[in-house]
């Protein structure tokens, strides 16, 4: 089973400015990461179907992207 991993975030100028401001207030550097997920992106209908199957079977399901 593969868990989500992290990769450096690609930030626009307003986001970078906000992080720099927070760095100033905290007194040290920050590094922004964003998750990179192996999990599938499901539609609302697919997600409901998955949840219904979980309830029916009493299990937790993880949908992986292909």
N, C-alpha and C. Protein backbone atom coordinates (compact mmCIF):
# COMPACT_ATOMS: atom_id res chain seq x y z
N UNK A 1 0.85 -1.18 0.00
CA UNK A 1 0.00 0.00 0.00
C UNK A 1 0.89 1.23 0.00
N UNK A 2 0.51 2.18 -0.78
CA UNK A 2 1.29 3.41 -0.91
C UNK A 2 0.56 4.56 -0.23
N UNK A 3 1.25 5.31 0.58
CA UNK A 3 0.67 6.46 1.27
C UNK A 3 0.98 7.73 0.48
N UNK A 4 0.22 8.78 0.73
CA UNK A 4 0.54 10.05 0.07
C UNK A 4 1.97 10.48 0.41
N UNK A 5 2.63 11.08 -0.55
CA UNK A 5 3.97 11.61 -0.31
C UNK A 5 3.91 13.13 -0.44
N UNK A 6 4.99 13.77 -0.12
CA UNK A 6 5.05 15.23 -0.19
C UNK A 6 6.07 15.64 -1.23
N UNK A 7 5.78 16.76 -1.89
CA UNK A 7 6.74 17.35 -2.83
C UNK A 7 6.71 18.85 -2.60
N UNK A 8 7.78 19.55 -2.94
CA UNK A 8 7.77 21.01 -2.74
C UNK A 8 6.61 21.65 -3.48
N UNK A 9 5.96 22.59 -2.81
CA UNK A 9 4.80 23.27 -3.39
C UNK A 9 5.24 24.31 -4.42
N UNK A 10 4.45 24.45 -5.47
CA UNK A 10 4.66 25.51 -6.45
C UNK A 10 3.71 26.63 -6.09
N UNK A 11 4.26 27.75 -5.61
CA UNK A 11 3.46 28.84 -5.08
C UNK A 11 3.53 30.07 -5.98
N UNK A 12 2.41 30.79 -6.05
CA UNK A 12 2.41 32.05 -6.78
C UNK A 12 2.95 33.15 -5.87
N UNK A 13 3.13 34.34 -6.42
CA UNK A 13 3.73 35.45 -5.65
C UNK A 13 2.93 35.82 -4.40
N UNK A 14 1.59 35.90 -4.45
CA UNK A 14 0.86 36.21 -3.21
C UNK A 14 1.09 35.17 -2.11
N UNK A 15 1.15 33.91 -2.49
CA UNK A 15 1.39 32.86 -1.49
C UNK A 15 2.80 32.96 -0.93
N UNK A 16 3.77 33.20 -1.80
CA UNK A 16 5.15 33.37 -1.34
C UNK A 16 5.28 34.55 -0.39
N UNK A 17 4.62 35.64 -0.72
CA UNK A 17 4.64 36.83 0.13
C UNK A 17 4.05 36.53 1.50
N UNK A 18 2.97 35.79 1.51
CA UNK A 18 2.34 35.43 2.79
C UNK A 18 3.27 34.55 3.63
N UNK A 19 3.95 33.61 2.98
CA UNK A 19 4.89 32.74 3.70
C UNK A 19 6.08 33.54 4.21
N UNK A 20 6.59 34.46 3.39
CA UNK A 20 7.71 35.30 3.85
C UNK A 20 7.32 36.13 5.06
N UNK A 21 6.09 36.63 5.06
CA UNK A 21 5.61 37.40 6.19
C UNK A 21 5.53 36.54 7.45
N UNK A 22 5.07 35.31 7.29
CA UNK A 22 5.00 34.39 8.43
C UNK A 22 6.40 34.03 8.91
N UNK A 23 7.33 33.86 7.98
CA UNK A 23 8.72 33.59 8.36
C UNK A 23 9.26 34.72 9.23
N UNK A 24 8.97 35.96 8.84
CA UNK A 24 9.42 37.12 9.62
C UNK A 24 8.83 37.08 11.03
N UNK A 25 7.54 36.76 11.13
CA UNK A 25 6.88 36.74 12.44
C UNK A 25 7.38 35.58 13.31
N UNK A 26 7.70 34.45 12.67
CA UNK A 26 8.17 33.28 13.42
C UNK A 26 9.67 33.32 13.68
N UNK A 27 10.39 34.10 12.90
CA UNK A 27 11.82 34.22 13.09
C UNK A 27 12.63 33.09 12.49
N UNK A 28 12.12 32.44 11.46
CA UNK A 28 12.87 31.36 10.83
C UNK A 28 12.24 30.94 9.52
N UNK A 29 12.99 30.13 8.76
CA UNK A 29 12.52 29.73 7.44
C UNK A 29 11.40 28.68 7.50
N UNK A 30 10.57 28.72 6.48
CA UNK A 30 9.52 27.72 6.29
C UNK A 30 9.69 27.08 4.92
N UNK A 31 9.28 25.84 4.79
CA UNK A 31 9.28 25.15 3.51
C UNK A 31 7.85 24.67 3.26
N UNK A 32 7.31 24.98 2.10
CA UNK A 32 5.95 24.59 1.76
C UNK A 32 5.97 23.31 0.93
N UNK A 33 5.19 22.35 1.36
CA UNK A 33 5.03 21.08 0.65
C UNK A 33 3.57 20.88 0.32
N UNK A 34 3.31 20.14 -0.73
CA UNK A 34 1.94 19.76 -1.04
C UNK A 34 1.90 18.25 -1.23
N UNK A 35 0.77 17.64 -0.86
CA UNK A 35 0.68 16.19 -0.97
C UNK A 35 0.60 15.73 -2.42
N UNK A 36 1.19 14.62 -2.68
CA UNK A 36 1.09 13.96 -3.98
C UNK A 36 0.47 12.60 -3.69
N UNK A 37 -0.78 12.44 -4.04
CA UNK A 37 -1.55 11.28 -3.62
C UNK A 37 -1.66 10.21 -4.70
N UNK A 38 -1.50 8.94 -4.30
CA UNK A 38 -1.71 7.85 -5.24
C UNK A 38 -3.19 7.48 -5.37
N UNK A 39 -4.04 8.15 -4.58
CA UNK A 39 -5.44 7.79 -4.53
C UNK A 39 -6.22 8.38 -5.70
N UNK A 40 -7.25 7.67 -6.11
CA UNK A 40 -8.07 8.08 -7.24
C UNK A 40 -8.91 9.30 -6.88
N UNK A 41 -9.17 10.13 -7.88
CA UNK A 41 -10.10 11.24 -7.74
C UNK A 41 -11.46 10.71 -8.18
N UNK A 42 -12.41 10.69 -7.25
CA UNK A 42 -13.72 10.11 -7.53
C UNK A 42 -14.78 11.18 -7.69
N UNK A 43 -15.76 10.89 -8.53
CA UNK A 43 -16.91 11.77 -8.64
C UNK A 43 -17.77 11.59 -7.39
N UNK A 44 -18.72 12.48 -7.18
CA UNK A 44 -19.61 12.37 -6.02
C UNK A 44 -20.36 11.04 -6.06
N UNK A 45 -20.78 10.63 -7.24
CA UNK A 45 -21.51 9.36 -7.38
C UNK A 45 -20.61 8.17 -7.05
N UNK A 46 -19.38 8.19 -7.54
CA UNK A 46 -18.44 7.11 -7.25
C UNK A 46 -18.12 7.04 -5.76
N UNK A 47 -17.94 8.21 -5.14
CA UNK A 47 -17.64 8.26 -3.72
C UNK A 47 -18.79 7.71 -2.90
N UNK A 48 -20.01 8.04 -3.25
CA UNK A 48 -21.17 7.51 -2.54
C UNK A 48 -21.26 6.00 -2.71
N UNK A 49 -20.97 5.50 -3.91
CA UNK A 49 -20.98 4.06 -4.15
C UNK A 49 -19.92 3.37 -3.29
N UNK A 50 -18.73 3.97 -3.20
CA UNK A 50 -17.67 3.43 -2.37
C UNK A 50 -18.09 3.41 -0.90
N UNK A 51 -18.66 4.50 -0.43
CA UNK A 51 -19.10 4.58 0.98
C UNK A 51 -20.22 3.59 1.28
N UNK A 52 -21.13 3.42 0.34
CA UNK A 52 -22.21 2.45 0.54
C UNK A 52 -21.64 1.04 0.64
N UNK A 53 -20.67 0.72 -0.19
CA UNK A 53 -20.03 -0.60 -0.13
C UNK A 53 -19.29 -0.77 1.19
N UNK A 54 -18.62 0.28 1.67
CA UNK A 54 -17.95 0.22 2.97
C UNK A 54 -18.96 -0.11 4.07
N UNK A 55 -20.09 0.60 4.07
CA UNK A 55 -21.11 0.36 5.10
C UNK A 55 -21.65 -1.06 5.01
N UNK A 56 -21.90 -1.50 3.80
CA UNK A 56 -22.45 -2.84 3.59
C UNK A 56 -21.51 -3.94 4.07
N UNK A 57 -20.22 -3.76 3.78
CA UNK A 57 -19.24 -4.79 4.11
C UNK A 57 -18.55 -4.59 5.46
N UNK A 58 -18.71 -3.39 6.04
CA UNK A 58 -18.05 -3.11 7.32
C UNK A 58 -16.55 -3.00 7.19
N UNK A 59 -16.08 -2.44 6.06
CA UNK A 59 -14.64 -2.29 5.82
C UNK A 59 -14.35 -0.86 5.40
N UNK A 60 -13.08 -0.53 5.27
CA UNK A 60 -12.63 0.73 4.70
C UNK A 60 -11.96 0.42 3.38
N UNK A 61 -12.34 1.13 2.34
CA UNK A 61 -11.77 0.92 1.02
C UNK A 61 -10.93 2.13 0.60
N UNK A 62 -9.83 1.88 -0.09
CA UNK A 62 -8.99 2.93 -0.66
C UNK A 62 -9.01 2.75 -2.16
N UNK A 63 -9.35 3.80 -2.89
CA UNK A 63 -9.37 3.75 -4.35
C UNK A 63 -8.09 4.39 -4.87
N UNK A 64 -7.34 3.62 -5.63
CA UNK A 64 -6.08 4.09 -6.21
C UNK A 64 -6.27 4.53 -7.64
N UNK A 65 -5.58 5.59 -8.03
CA UNK A 65 -5.62 6.07 -9.40
C UNK A 65 -4.78 5.16 -10.29
N UNK A 66 -5.07 5.21 -11.56
CA UNK A 66 -4.31 4.35 -12.49
C UNK A 66 -3.39 5.19 -13.36
